[in-house]
Amino acid sequence: MSVELDRCHEEVPGDYYNRALEENFGQRFWHQRRFLEAGILLDQLKAENILDLGCHGGRFTNEILLRSPKASITGVDVSSPAIKFAQSKYPKIKFLVSHAQHLPFSSNYFDLVTCFEMLEHVDDPEVVLLEAHRVLKTDGNFLVMVPVEEFLFRFIWFVWTKFGPGRVWRHVHVQKFNQKNLRVLLERSGFNLVKEKKFLFGMLLLIQARCRKAT
């Protein structure tokens, strides 16, 4: 990830999502719905060792903990201020400053890796997927969620980042995804697709994929 992109992420306050869910109805509606959908899969998977990529201030990593209270959960993010906030706010979760392109974990380590609305923020998504694949055990699961770059999302994103509280995010969406190109990236990175669902009027895409190791 570029130094400039790192700096943009560090400008987002660590408590951004905590405040957003309290103060903004639109963001509360958006994030509650996405965790309703992700939570259905988390309940089914029952993973014991979980990595959350792009955890920022830990608000949504804590949602994973609420769904999997007996699991060992680690969150990583490039923003030092956000990780510092997460460590103080959610002491039951391990948080580390790390680039998702160079994860500080051994291979075949996690049962589940989550990546919720993070992949669109990185310079090279395929490198992130390859790292997720590396640290997952054989047949481990990967949950990835991305915004779908169609008209409705693009319109709302423009208004929100131009005139609303999303101005702080205006420079950090550097990738555009749809079902086709994300499928291709996942399959090329060693994953088998298991389930996929679009929701929130087609603006979000959630995919469950399983790690396929070479024999």
N, C-alpha and C. Protein backbone atom coordinates (compact mmCIF):
# COMPACT_ATOMS: atom_id res chain seq x y z
N MET A 1 0.84 -1.18 0.00
CA MET A 1 0.00 0.00 0.00
C MET A 1 0.88 1.24 0.00
N SER A 2 0.49 2.27 -0.73
CA SER A 2 1.31 3.47 -0.84
C SER A 2 1.30 4.25 0.46
N VAL A 3 2.35 5.05 0.65
CA VAL A 3 2.45 5.90 1.83
C VAL A 3 1.29 6.88 1.87
N GLU A 4 0.92 7.42 0.72
CA GLU A 4 -0.18 8.38 0.65
C GLU A 4 -1.50 7.74 1.05
N LEU A 5 -1.73 6.51 0.61
CA LEU A 5 -2.96 5.80 0.97
C LEU A 5 -2.96 5.48 2.46
N ASP A 6 -1.82 5.11 3.00
CA ASP A 6 -1.70 4.89 4.45
C ASP A 6 -2.11 6.15 5.21
N ARG A 7 -1.59 7.29 4.76
CA ARG A 7 -1.87 8.55 5.44
C ARG A 7 -3.36 8.87 5.42
N CYS A 8 -4.01 8.62 4.30
CA CYS A 8 -5.45 8.87 4.18
C CYS A 8 -6.23 8.03 5.19
N HIS A 9 -5.83 6.76 5.36
CA HIS A 9 -6.52 5.90 6.32
C HIS A 9 -6.29 6.37 7.75
N GLU A 10 -5.10 6.88 8.04
CA GLU A 10 -4.82 7.32 9.40
C GLU A 10 -5.57 8.60 9.75
N GLU A 11 -6.08 9.31 8.74
CA GLU A 11 -6.86 10.51 9.00
C GLU A 11 -8.27 10.20 9.50
N VAL A 12 -8.71 8.94 9.32
CA VAL A 12 -10.03 8.54 9.79
C VAL A 12 -9.94 8.24 11.29
N PRO A 13 -10.70 8.92 12.15
CA PRO A 13 -10.60 8.70 13.60
C PRO A 13 -10.87 7.24 13.99
N GLY A 14 -10.18 6.77 15.00
CA GLY A 14 -10.34 5.38 15.43
C GLY A 14 -11.75 5.06 15.88
N ASP A 15 -12.45 6.05 16.43
CA ASP A 15 -13.82 5.82 16.91
C ASP A 15 -14.86 6.18 15.86
N TYR A 16 -14.45 6.31 14.62
CA TYR A 16 -15.36 6.76 13.56
C TYR A 16 -16.64 5.94 13.51
N TYR A 17 -16.51 4.61 13.46
CA TYR A 17 -17.69 3.76 13.31
C TYR A 17 -18.53 3.74 14.58
N ASN A 18 -17.90 3.81 15.74
CA ASN A 18 -18.67 3.86 16.98
C ASN A 18 -19.57 5.08 17.01
N ARG A 19 -19.02 6.22 16.63
CA ARG A 19 -19.82 7.45 16.60
C ARG A 19 -20.85 7.41 15.48
N ALA A 20 -20.46 6.87 14.33
CA ALA A 20 -21.35 6.84 13.17
C ALA A 20 -22.62 6.05 13.47
N LEU A 21 -22.47 4.92 14.16
CA LEU A 21 -23.64 4.09 14.46
C LEU A 21 -24.55 4.75 15.49
N GLU A 22 -24.00 5.62 16.31
CA GLU A 22 -24.80 6.33 17.30
C GLU A 22 -25.48 7.56 16.70
N GLU A 23 -24.80 8.24 15.78
CA GLU A 23 -25.23 9.56 15.36
C GLU A 23 -25.90 9.62 13.99
N ASN A 24 -25.68 8.60 13.15
CA ASN A 24 -26.14 8.69 11.77
C ASN A 24 -27.04 7.52 11.42
N PHE A 25 -28.31 7.81 11.15
CA PHE A 25 -29.27 6.74 10.86
C PHE A 25 -28.87 5.95 9.63
N GLY A 26 -28.41 6.63 8.58
CA GLY A 26 -28.06 5.95 7.33
C GLY A 26 -26.95 4.94 7.53
N GLN A 27 -25.90 5.34 8.24
CA GLN A 27 -24.80 4.41 8.48
C GLN A 27 -25.21 3.29 9.42
N ARG A 28 -26.05 3.61 10.39
CA ARG A 28 -26.54 2.56 11.29
C ARG A 28 -27.34 1.51 10.52
N PHE A 29 -28.20 1.96 9.63
CA PHE A 29 -28.99 1.05 8.81
C PHE A 29 -28.07 0.18 7.92
N TRP A 30 -27.10 0.82 7.28
CA TRP A 30 -26.17 0.14 6.38
C TRP A 30 -25.40 -0.95 7.12
N HIS A 31 -24.78 -0.59 8.24
CA HIS A 31 -23.90 -1.52 8.93
C HIS A 31 -24.67 -2.60 9.69
N GLN A 32 -25.83 -2.27 10.22
CA GLN A 32 -26.63 -3.31 10.87
C GLN A 32 -27.07 -4.36 9.87
N ARG A 33 -27.40 -3.92 8.67
CA ARG A 33 -27.82 -4.89 7.65
C ARG A 33 -26.66 -5.75 7.20
N ARG A 34 -25.49 -5.16 7.04
CA ARG A 34 -24.37 -5.97 6.56
C ARG A 34 -23.95 -6.99 7.61
N PHE A 35 -24.09 -6.64 8.89
CA PHE A 35 -23.73 -7.64 9.90
C PHE A 35 -24.83 -8.63 10.17
N LEU A 36 -26.03 -8.30 9.80
CA LEU A 36 -27.08 -9.31 9.81
C LEU A 36 -26.74 -10.40 8.80
N GLU A 37 -26.34 -9.99 7.59
CA GLU A 37 -26.01 -10.95 6.53
C GLU A 37 -24.73 -11.71 6.87
N ALA A 38 -23.70 -11.01 7.30
CA ALA A 38 -22.44 -11.69 7.66
C ALA A 38 -22.64 -12.60 8.86
N GLY A 39 -23.50 -12.17 9.80
CA GLY A 39 -23.73 -12.95 11.00
C GLY A 39 -24.35 -14.31 10.73
N ILE A 40 -25.19 -14.38 9.71
CA ILE A 40 -25.78 -15.67 9.35
C ILE A 40 -24.70 -16.67 8.99
N LEU A 41 -23.71 -16.24 8.22
CA LEU A 41 -22.62 -17.14 7.85
C LEU A 41 -21.69 -17.42 9.03
N LEU A 42 -21.42 -16.41 9.84
CA LEU A 42 -20.56 -16.63 11.00
C LEU A 42 -21.17 -17.67 11.95
N ASP A 43 -22.48 -17.61 12.13
CA ASP A 43 -23.15 -18.59 12.98
C ASP A 43 -23.02 -20.00 12.44
N GLN A 44 -23.04 -20.13 11.12
CA GLN A 44 -22.96 -21.45 10.50
C GLN A 44 -21.54 -22.02 10.55
N LEU A 45 -20.54 -21.15 10.44
CA LEU A 45 -19.16 -21.62 10.31
C LEU A 45 -18.54 -22.04 11.64
N LYS A 46 -18.89 -21.35 12.73
CA LYS A 46 -18.40 -21.70 14.06
C LYS A 46 -16.88 -21.86 14.10
N ALA A 47 -16.16 -20.89 13.58
CA ALA A 47 -14.70 -20.95 13.54
C ALA A 47 -14.11 -20.72 14.93
N GLU A 48 -12.91 -21.27 15.15
CA GLU A 48 -12.24 -21.15 16.44
C GLU A 48 -11.09 -20.15 16.42
N ASN A 49 -10.54 -19.89 15.25
CA ASN A 49 -9.39 -18.98 15.13
C ASN A 49 -9.63 -18.07 13.93
N ILE A 50 -9.92 -16.79 14.19
CA ILE A 50 -10.44 -15.89 13.17
C ILE A 50 -9.53 -14.68 13.01
N LEU A 51 -9.31 -14.28 11.76
CA LEU A 51 -8.57 -13.06 11.43
C LEU A 51 -9.49 -12.11 10.71
N ASP A 52 -9.55 -10.86 11.20
CA ASP A 52 -10.36 -9.82 10.56
C ASP A 52 -9.44 -8.81 9.90
N LEU A 53 -9.46 -8.75 8.57
CA LEU A 53 -8.61 -7.83 7.82
C LEU A 53 -9.28 -6.47 7.69
N GLY A 54 -8.52 -5.41 7.93
CA GLY A 54 -9.06 -4.06 7.82
C GLY A 54 -10.05 -3.75 8.93
N CYS A 55 -9.64 -4.02 10.17
CA CYS A 55 -10.56 -3.93 11.31
C CYS A 55 -10.81 -2.49 11.77
N HIS A 56 -9.96 -1.56 11.37
CA HIS A 56 -10.00 -0.17 11.81
C HIS A 56 -10.10 -0.11 13.34
N GLY A 57 -11.11 0.57 13.88
CA GLY A 57 -11.21 0.75 15.33
C GLY A 57 -11.84 -0.40 16.06
N GLY A 58 -12.10 -1.52 15.39
CA GLY A 58 -12.54 -2.73 16.05
C GLY A 58 -14.03 -2.86 16.28
N ARG A 59 -14.82 -1.88 15.85
CA ARG A 59 -16.26 -1.93 16.12
C ARG A 59 -16.90 -3.18 15.53
N PHE A 60 -16.50 -3.52 14.31
CA PHE A 60 -17.13 -4.66 13.65
C PHE A 60 -16.42 -5.98 13.97
N THR A 61 -15.15 -5.90 14.36
CA THR A 61 -14.48 -7.10 14.86
C THR A 61 -15.17 -7.56 16.14
N ASN A 62 -15.62 -6.61 16.93
CA ASN A 62 -16.36 -6.96 18.14
C ASN A 62 -17.69 -7.64 17.81
N GLU A 63 -18.30 -7.29 16.69
CA GLU A 63 -19.51 -7.99 16.25
C GLU A 63 -19.20 -9.46 15.96
N ILE A 64 -18.01 -9.72 15.40
CA ILE A 64 -17.59 -11.10 15.16
C ILE A 64 -17.46 -11.83 16.49
N LEU A 65 -16.86 -11.16 17.48
CA LEU A 65 -16.72 -11.76 18.81
C LEU A 65 -18.08 -12.10 19.42
N LEU A 66 -19.06 -11.21 19.25
CA LEU A 66 -20.39 -11.47 19.80
C LEU A 66 -21.02 -12.69 19.15
N ARG A 67 -20.69 -12.93 17.87
CA ARG A 67 -21.21 -14.11 17.18
C ARG A 67 -20.40 -15.36 17.49
N SER A 68 -19.12 -15.17 17.85
CA SER A 68 -18.23 -16.31 18.09
C SER A 68 -17.48 -16.08 19.41
N PRO A 69 -18.19 -16.09 20.54
CA PRO A 69 -17.58 -15.69 21.82
C PRO A 69 -16.46 -16.59 22.31
N LYS A 70 -16.39 -17.82 21.82
CA LYS A 70 -15.34 -18.74 22.27
C LYS A 70 -14.13 -18.75 21.34
N ALA A 71 -14.20 -17.99 20.25
CA ALA A 71 -13.12 -17.99 19.27
C ALA A 71 -11.97 -17.08 19.69
N SER A 72 -10.78 -17.41 19.19
CA SER A 72 -9.64 -16.51 19.28
C SER A 72 -9.68 -15.59 18.06
N ILE A 73 -9.76 -14.27 18.29
CA ILE A 73 -9.98 -13.34 17.18
C ILE A 73 -8.86 -12.30 17.16
N THR A 74 -8.33 -12.08 15.97
CA THR A 74 -7.29 -11.08 15.74
C THR A 74 -7.76 -10.11 14.68
N GLY A 75 -7.59 -8.81 14.92
CA GLY A 75 -7.90 -7.79 13.93
C GLY A 75 -6.63 -7.05 13.51
N VAL A 76 -6.49 -6.79 12.21
CA VAL A 76 -5.33 -6.04 11.73
C VAL A 76 -5.80 -4.87 10.88
N ASP A 77 -5.01 -3.79 10.93
CA ASP A 77 -5.31 -2.60 10.13
C ASP A 77 -4.03 -1.79 9.98
N VAL A 78 -3.98 -0.97 8.93
CA VAL A 78 -2.78 -0.16 8.69
C VAL A 78 -2.73 1.09 9.57
N SER A 79 -3.86 1.48 10.15
CA SER A 79 -3.93 2.73 10.91
C SER A 79 -3.53 2.52 12.36
N SER A 80 -2.40 3.11 12.75
CA SER A 80 -1.95 3.00 14.15
C SER A 80 -2.93 3.64 15.13
N PRO A 81 -3.46 4.85 14.83
CA PRO A 81 -4.44 5.43 15.77
C PRO A 81 -5.68 4.56 15.94
N ALA A 82 -6.16 3.96 14.85
CA ALA A 82 -7.35 3.11 14.93
C ALA A 82 -7.07 1.86 15.77
N ILE A 83 -5.90 1.25 15.58
CA ILE A 83 -5.54 0.06 16.36
C ILE A 83 -5.38 0.41 17.83
N LYS A 84 -4.80 1.56 18.12
CA LYS A 84 -4.66 1.99 19.52
C LYS A 84 -6.03 2.13 20.17
N PHE A 85 -6.98 2.71 19.44
CA PHE A 85 -8.34 2.83 19.97
C PHE A 85 -8.95 1.46 20.19
N ALA A 86 -8.80 0.56 19.20
CA ALA A 86 -9.38 -0.78 19.30
C ALA A 86 -8.83 -1.53 20.50
N GLN A 87 -7.53 -1.43 20.73
CA GLN A 87 -6.92 -2.14 21.85
C GLN A 87 -7.48 -1.69 23.19
N SER A 88 -7.77 -0.40 23.30
CA SER A 88 -8.31 0.11 24.56
C SER A 88 -9.80 -0.17 24.71
N LYS A 89 -10.52 -0.20 23.59
CA LYS A 89 -11.98 -0.35 23.61
C LYS A 89 -12.42 -1.81 23.72
N TYR A 90 -11.66 -2.71 23.09
CA TYR A 90 -12.07 -4.12 23.02
C TYR A 90 -10.93 -5.02 23.47
N PRO A 91 -10.67 -5.09 24.77
CA PRO A 91 -9.50 -5.82 25.29
C PRO A 91 -9.57 -7.34 25.11
N LYS A 92 -10.74 -7.88 24.80
CA LYS A 92 -10.84 -9.33 24.61
C LYS A 92 -10.36 -9.78 23.23
N ILE A 93 -10.07 -8.82 22.36
CA ILE A 93 -9.62 -9.12 20.99
C ILE A 93 -8.18 -8.66 20.83
N LYS A 94 -7.40 -9.42 20.10
CA LYS A 94 -6.02 -9.03 19.80
C LYS A 94 -6.00 -8.17 18.55
N PHE A 95 -5.38 -6.99 18.64
CA PHE A 95 -5.30 -6.08 17.50
C PHE A 95 -3.84 -5.76 17.19
N LEU A 96 -3.52 -5.73 15.89
CA LEU A 96 -2.16 -5.46 15.44
C LEU A 96 -2.17 -4.48 14.27
N VAL A 97 -1.15 -3.64 14.21
CA VAL A 97 -0.93 -2.81 13.03
C VAL A 97 -0.22 -3.66 11.99
N SER A 98 -0.85 -3.79 10.82
CA SER A 98 -0.25 -4.62 9.78
C SER A 98 -0.89 -4.31 8.44
N HIS A 99 -0.09 -4.38 7.38
CA HIS A 99 -0.62 -4.37 6.03
C HIS A 99 -1.18 -5.75 5.71
N ALA A 100 -2.32 -5.77 5.06
CA ALA A 100 -2.92 -7.05 4.69
C ALA A 100 -2.11 -7.75 3.61
N GLN A 101 -1.25 -7.00 2.90
CA GLN A 101 -0.40 -7.61 1.87
C GLN A 101 0.78 -8.36 2.45
N HIS A 102 1.09 -8.12 3.73
CA HIS A 102 2.24 -8.78 4.38
C HIS A 102 1.84 -9.12 5.81
N LEU A 103 1.09 -10.18 5.98
CA LEU A 103 0.56 -10.52 7.29
C LEU A 103 1.62 -11.21 8.16
N PRO A 104 1.68 -10.85 9.44
CA PRO A 104 2.70 -11.41 10.34
C PRO A 104 2.27 -12.72 11.00
N PHE A 105 1.77 -13.64 10.19
CA PHE A 105 1.29 -14.92 10.72
C PHE A 105 1.86 -16.06 9.87
N SER A 106 1.99 -17.21 10.49
CA SER A 106 2.49 -18.36 9.76
C SER A 106 1.41 -18.89 8.82
N SER A 107 1.80 -19.70 7.88
CA SER A 107 0.87 -20.30 6.93
C SER A 107 -0.02 -21.32 7.64
N ASN A 108 -1.21 -21.54 7.07
CA ASN A 108 -2.14 -22.56 7.58
C ASN A 108 -2.49 -22.34 9.05
N TYR A 109 -2.81 -21.11 9.41
CA TYR A 109 -2.97 -20.75 10.82
C TYR A 109 -4.43 -20.52 11.23
N PHE A 110 -5.23 -19.90 10.37
CA PHE A 110 -6.60 -19.50 10.75
C PHE A 110 -7.65 -20.42 10.13
N ASP A 111 -8.75 -20.57 10.86
CA ASP A 111 -9.91 -21.30 10.34
C ASP A 111 -10.76 -20.42 9.42
N LEU A 112 -10.75 -19.11 9.73
CA LEU A 112 -11.61 -18.17 9.03
C LEU A 112 -10.91 -16.82 8.92
N VAL A 113 -10.97 -16.23 7.74
CA VAL A 113 -10.51 -14.85 7.53
C VAL A 113 -11.70 -14.05 7.01
N THR A 114 -11.92 -12.88 7.62
CA THR A 114 -12.98 -11.98 7.16
C THR A 114 -12.37 -10.72 6.57
N CYS A 115 -13.06 -10.16 5.60
CA CYS A 115 -12.57 -8.97 4.90
C CYS A 115 -13.80 -8.17 4.47
N PHE A 116 -14.32 -7.35 5.38
CA PHE A 116 -15.59 -6.67 5.17
C PHE A 116 -15.37 -5.22 4.74
N GLU A 117 -15.71 -4.92 3.49
CA GLU A 117 -15.56 -3.58 2.92
C GLU A 117 -14.14 -3.02 3.15
N MET A 118 -13.19 -3.81 2.81
CA MET A 118 -11.79 -3.44 2.94
C MET A 118 -11.03 -3.57 1.63
N LEU A 119 -11.41 -4.55 0.80
CA LEU A 119 -10.62 -4.88 -0.39
C LEU A 119 -10.58 -3.71 -1.39
N GLU A 120 -11.60 -2.88 -1.38
CA GLU A 120 -11.63 -1.73 -2.29
C GLU A 120 -10.68 -0.62 -1.86
N HIS A 121 -10.03 -0.80 -0.69
CA HIS A 121 -9.13 0.22 -0.15
C HIS A 121 -7.66 -0.05 -0.42
N VAL A 122 -7.31 -1.12 -1.11
CA VAL A 122 -5.91 -1.50 -1.24
C VAL A 122 -5.43 -1.40 -2.69
N ASP A 123 -4.12 -1.19 -2.84
CA ASP A 123 -3.53 -1.02 -4.18
C ASP A 123 -3.61 -2.30 -5.00
N ASP A 124 -3.40 -3.44 -4.37
CA ASP A 124 -3.34 -4.71 -5.10
C ASP A 124 -4.19 -5.76 -4.39
N PRO A 125 -5.49 -5.84 -4.71
CA PRO A 125 -6.38 -6.79 -4.02
C PRO A 125 -5.93 -8.24 -4.14
N GLU A 126 -5.32 -8.60 -5.28
CA GLU A 126 -4.92 -9.99 -5.45
C GLU A 126 -3.85 -10.41 -4.46
N VAL A 127 -2.95 -9.50 -4.12
CA VAL A 127 -1.93 -9.81 -3.12
C VAL A 127 -2.58 -10.06 -1.76
N VAL A 128 -3.60 -9.26 -1.42
CA VAL A 128 -4.33 -9.47 -0.17
C VAL A 128 -5.00 -10.84 -0.17
N LEU A 129 -5.62 -11.20 -1.28
CA LEU A 129 -6.29 -12.51 -1.36
C LEU A 129 -5.29 -13.65 -1.24
N LEU A 130 -4.14 -13.50 -1.85
CA LEU A 130 -3.10 -14.53 -1.75
C LEU A 130 -2.59 -14.67 -0.32
N GLU A 131 -2.48 -13.56 0.40
CA GLU A 131 -2.07 -13.62 1.80
C GLU A 131 -3.15 -14.27 2.67
N ALA A 132 -4.41 -13.93 2.40
CA ALA A 132 -5.50 -14.57 3.12
C ALA A 132 -5.48 -16.08 2.87
N HIS A 133 -5.23 -16.46 1.63
CA HIS A 133 -5.14 -17.87 1.27
C HIS A 133 -3.98 -18.55 2.01
N ARG A 134 -2.86 -17.87 2.09
CA ARG A 134 -1.66 -18.44 2.73
C ARG A 134 -1.91 -18.73 4.21
N VAL A 135 -2.55 -17.79 4.92
CA VAL A 135 -2.69 -17.96 6.36
C VAL A 135 -3.89 -18.85 6.74
N LEU A 136 -4.73 -19.18 5.77
CA LEU A 136 -5.86 -20.07 6.04
C LEU A 136 -5.44 -21.53 5.99
N LYS A 137 -6.07 -22.33 6.84
CA LYS A 137 -5.90 -23.77 6.77
C LYS A 137 -6.60 -24.31 5.51
N THR A 138 -6.21 -25.49 5.09
CA THR A 138 -6.91 -26.15 3.99
C THR A 138 -8.38 -26.29 4.35
N ASP A 139 -9.23 -25.89 3.43
CA ASP A 139 -10.68 -25.87 3.62
C ASP A 139 -11.14 -24.81 4.61
N GLY A 140 -10.23 -23.91 5.03
CA GLY A 140 -10.64 -22.76 5.83
C GLY A 140 -11.51 -21.83 5.01
N ASN A 141 -12.30 -21.03 5.67
CA ASN A 141 -13.27 -20.17 4.98
C ASN A 141 -12.83 -18.71 4.94
N PHE A 142 -13.22 -18.06 3.86
CA PHE A 142 -12.93 -16.65 3.65
C PHE A 142 -14.25 -15.94 3.36
N LEU A 143 -14.57 -14.94 4.19
CA LEU A 143 -15.76 -14.13 3.97
C LEU A 143 -15.31 -12.76 3.50
N VAL A 144 -15.75 -12.37 2.31
CA VAL A 144 -15.35 -11.08 1.75
C VAL A 144 -16.60 -10.31 1.35
N MET A 145 -16.61 -9.04 1.68
CA MET A 145 -17.73 -8.16 1.34
C MET A 145 -17.19 -6.91 0.68
N VAL A 146 -17.78 -6.54 -0.45
CA VAL A 146 -17.35 -5.35 -1.18
C VAL A 146 -18.58 -4.59 -1.67
N PRO A 147 -18.45 -3.26 -1.84
CA PRO A 147 -19.51 -2.52 -2.52
C PRO A 147 -19.51 -2.85 -4.01
N VAL A 148 -20.70 -2.87 -4.59
CA VAL A 148 -20.85 -3.18 -6.01
C VAL A 148 -20.92 -1.86 -6.78
N GLU A 149 -19.99 -1.67 -7.68
CA GLU A 149 -19.87 -0.40 -8.38
C GLU A 149 -20.88 -0.28 -9.52
N GLU A 150 -22.14 -0.14 -9.13
CA GLU A 150 -23.19 0.14 -10.09
C GLU A 150 -23.77 1.52 -9.77
N PHE A 151 -24.77 1.95 -10.57
CA PHE A 151 -25.19 3.35 -10.53
C PHE A 151 -25.61 3.80 -9.14
N LEU A 152 -26.45 3.02 -8.44
CA LEU A 152 -26.98 3.47 -7.15
C LEU A 152 -25.87 3.69 -6.14
N PHE A 153 -24.94 2.73 -6.05
CA PHE A 153 -23.84 2.91 -5.09
C PHE A 153 -22.98 4.10 -5.48
N ARG A 154 -22.65 4.24 -6.75
CA ARG A 154 -21.80 5.36 -7.17
C ARG A 154 -22.45 6.69 -6.84
N PHE A 155 -23.76 6.81 -7.03
CA PHE A 155 -24.46 8.05 -6.73
C PHE A 155 -24.42 8.36 -5.24
N ILE A 156 -24.77 7.37 -4.41
CA ILE A 156 -24.78 7.58 -2.96
C ILE A 156 -23.38 7.87 -2.44
N TRP A 157 -22.39 7.14 -2.98
CA TRP A 157 -21.00 7.36 -2.56
C TRP A 157 -20.55 8.77 -2.89
N PHE A 158 -20.90 9.27 -4.05
CA PHE A 158 -20.52 10.64 -4.45
C PHE A 158 -21.12 11.66 -3.50
N VAL A 159 -22.41 11.54 -3.23
CA VAL A 159 -23.09 12.50 -2.35
C VAL A 159 -22.53 12.42 -0.94
N TRP A 160 -22.34 11.19 -0.45
CA TRP A 160 -21.89 10.99 0.93
C TRP A 160 -20.48 11.52 1.16
N THR A 161 -19.59 11.30 0.18
CA THR A 161 -18.21 11.75 0.34
C THR A 161 -18.00 13.21 -0.06
N LYS A 162 -18.95 13.77 -0.78
CA LYS A 162 -18.84 15.16 -1.21
C LYS A 162 -19.46 16.12 -0.19
N PHE A 163 -20.61 15.72 0.36
CA PHE A 163 -21.37 16.64 1.20
C PHE A 163 -21.65 16.11 2.61
N GLY A 164 -21.45 14.83 2.84
CA GLY A 164 -21.83 14.24 4.12
C GLY A 164 -20.65 13.87 4.98
N PRO A 165 -20.90 13.09 6.03
CA PRO A 165 -19.84 12.70 6.96
C PRO A 165 -18.81 11.75 6.35
N GLY A 166 -19.08 11.27 5.14
CA GLY A 166 -18.13 10.39 4.48
C GLY A 166 -16.99 11.11 3.78
N ARG A 167 -16.90 12.42 3.96
CA ARG A 167 -15.81 13.17 3.29
C ARG A 167 -14.44 12.64 3.66
N VAL A 168 -14.31 12.11 4.87
CA VAL A 168 -13.02 11.60 5.33
C VAL A 168 -12.58 10.38 4.53
N TRP A 169 -13.53 9.72 3.83
CA TRP A 169 -13.22 8.53 3.03
C TRP A 169 -13.02 8.83 1.55
N ARG A 170 -13.05 10.08 1.16
CA ARG A 170 -13.18 10.42 -0.26
C ARG A 170 -12.01 9.94 -1.13
N HIS A 171 -10.84 9.71 -0.53
CA HIS A 171 -9.67 9.33 -1.33
C HIS A 171 -9.28 7.85 -1.18
N VAL A 172 -10.05 7.07 -0.45
CA VAL A 172 -9.55 5.74 -0.09
C VAL A 172 -10.20 4.58 -0.83
N HIS A 173 -11.21 4.83 -1.65
CA HIS A 173 -11.73 3.76 -2.51
C HIS A 173 -10.93 3.77 -3.80
N VAL A 174 -10.03 2.79 -3.94
CA VAL A 174 -9.13 2.79 -5.10
C VAL A 174 -9.37 1.60 -6.02
N GLN A 175 -10.35 0.75 -5.68
CA GLN A 175 -10.71 -0.39 -6.52
C GLN A 175 -12.21 -0.41 -6.75
N LYS A 176 -12.63 -0.99 -7.87
CA LYS A 176 -14.05 -1.12 -8.18
C LYS A 176 -14.36 -2.60 -8.42
N PHE A 177 -15.42 -3.10 -7.77
CA PHE A 177 -15.75 -4.52 -7.86
C PHE A 177 -17.17 -4.74 -8.35
N ASN A 178 -17.33 -5.89 -9.00
CA ASN A 178 -18.64 -6.45 -9.31
C ASN A 178 -18.53 -7.96 -9.11
N GLN A 179 -19.64 -8.67 -9.30
CA GLN A 179 -19.59 -10.11 -9.05
C GLN A 179 -18.57 -10.82 -9.92
N LYS A 180 -18.47 -10.42 -11.17
CA LYS A 180 -17.60 -11.12 -12.10
C LYS A 180 -16.13 -10.96 -11.75
N ASN A 181 -15.68 -9.72 -11.56
CA ASN A 181 -14.23 -9.55 -11.35
C ASN A 181 -13.79 -10.05 -9.98
N LEU A 182 -14.69 -10.02 -8.97
CA LEU A 182 -14.31 -10.56 -7.67
C LEU A 182 -14.24 -12.09 -7.73
N ARG A 183 -15.17 -12.71 -8.42
CA ARG A 183 -15.10 -14.17 -8.60
C ARG A 183 -13.78 -14.58 -9.24
N VAL A 184 -13.40 -13.88 -10.29
CA VAL A 184 -12.17 -14.20 -11.01
C VAL A 184 -10.97 -14.10 -10.08
N LEU A 185 -10.90 -13.01 -9.31
CA LEU A 185 -9.78 -12.83 -8.38
C LEU A 185 -9.72 -13.93 -7.33
N LEU A 186 -10.87 -14.29 -6.78
CA LEU A 186 -10.91 -15.34 -5.76
C LEU A 186 -10.46 -16.68 -6.32
N GLU A 187 -10.97 -17.04 -7.46
CA GLU A 187 -10.61 -18.33 -8.05
C GLU A 187 -9.13 -18.36 -8.43
N ARG A 188 -8.62 -17.24 -8.92
CA ARG A 188 -7.21 -17.17 -9.30
C ARG A 188 -6.29 -17.22 -8.08
N SER A 189 -6.82 -16.82 -6.93
CA SER A 189 -6.02 -16.78 -5.70
C SER A 189 -6.11 -18.06 -4.90
N GLY A 190 -6.83 -19.09 -5.42
CA GLY A 190 -6.85 -20.39 -4.77
C GLY A 190 -8.08 -20.66 -3.94
N PHE A 191 -9.20 -19.97 -4.24
CA PHE A 191 -10.43 -20.18 -3.49
C PHE A 191 -11.51 -20.81 -4.36
N ASN A 192 -12.32 -21.65 -3.73
CA ASN A 192 -13.53 -22.16 -4.35
C ASN A 192 -14.72 -21.39 -3.79
N LEU A 193 -15.56 -20.88 -4.65
CA LEU A 193 -16.73 -20.14 -4.21
C LEU A 193 -17.78 -21.08 -3.63
N VAL A 194 -18.35 -20.69 -2.50
CA VAL A 194 -19.36 -21.51 -1.82
C VAL A 194 -20.73 -20.85 -1.89
N LYS A 195 -20.81 -19.59 -1.46
CA LYS A 195 -22.07 -18.85 -1.47
C LYS A 195 -21.80 -17.40 -1.85
N GLU A 196 -22.79 -16.75 -2.43
CA GLU A 196 -22.69 -15.33 -2.66
C GLU A 196 -24.07 -14.70 -2.62
N LYS A 197 -24.10 -13.46 -2.15
CA LYS A 197 -25.38 -12.76 -2.03
C LYS A 197 -25.18 -11.26 -2.18
N LYS A 198 -26.05 -10.62 -2.98
CA LYS A 198 -26.11 -9.18 -3.06
C LYS A 198 -27.28 -8.70 -2.22
N PHE A 199 -27.10 -7.59 -1.52
CA PHE A 199 -28.17 -7.05 -0.68
C PHE A 199 -28.02 -5.54 -0.58
N LEU A 200 -28.84 -4.92 0.23
CA LEU A 200 -28.92 -3.46 0.29
C LEU A 200 -29.11 -2.88 -1.11
N PHE A 201 -30.19 -3.33 -1.75
CA PHE A 201 -30.54 -2.88 -3.10
C PHE A 201 -29.43 -3.16 -4.12
N GLY A 202 -28.70 -4.25 -3.87
CA GLY A 202 -27.64 -4.65 -4.78
C GLY A 202 -26.34 -3.91 -4.61
N MET A 203 -26.22 -3.09 -3.56
CA MET A 203 -25.02 -2.27 -3.38
C MET A 203 -23.88 -3.00 -2.66
N LEU A 204 -24.19 -4.09 -1.96
CA LEU A 204 -23.16 -4.85 -1.29
C LEU A 204 -23.19 -6.30 -1.75
N LEU A 205 -22.01 -6.87 -1.89
CA LEU A 205 -21.84 -8.26 -2.29
C LEU A 205 -21.06 -8.99 -1.21
N LEU A 206 -21.62 -10.09 -0.73
CA LEU A 206 -20.97 -10.94 0.27
C LEU A 206 -20.72 -12.31 -0.33
N ILE A 207 -19.47 -12.75 -0.25
CA ILE A 207 -19.10 -14.06 -0.78
C ILE A 207 -18.42 -14.89 0.30
N GLN A 208 -18.83 -16.15 0.39
CA GLN A 208 -18.11 -17.14 1.18
C GLN A 208 -17.32 -18.00 0.23
N ALA A 209 -16.01 -18.10 0.47
CA ALA A 209 -15.15 -18.93 -0.36
C ALA A 209 -14.34 -19.86 0.55
N ARG A 210 -13.92 -20.98 -0.03
CA ARG A 210 -13.15 -21.95 0.76
C ARG A 210 -11.74 -22.08 0.19
N CYS A 211 -10.79 -22.17 1.10
CA CYS A 211 -9.38 -22.23 0.71
C CYS A 211 -9.03 -23.56 0.06
N ARG A 212 -8.48 -23.49 -1.13
CA ARG A 212 -8.06 -24.67 -1.88
C ARG A 212 -6.53 -24.68 -1.91
N LYS A 213 -5.92 -25.71 -1.34
CA LYS A 213 -4.46 -25.81 -1.31
C LYS A 213 -3.98 -26.74 -2.41
N ALA A 214 -2.83 -26.43 -2.95
CA ALA A 214 -2.23 -27.28 -3.98
C ALA A 214 -1.83 -28.62 -3.38
N THR A 215 -1.99 -29.70 -4.13
CA THR A 215 -1.61 -31.03 -3.64
C THR A 215 -0.35 -31.53 -4.35
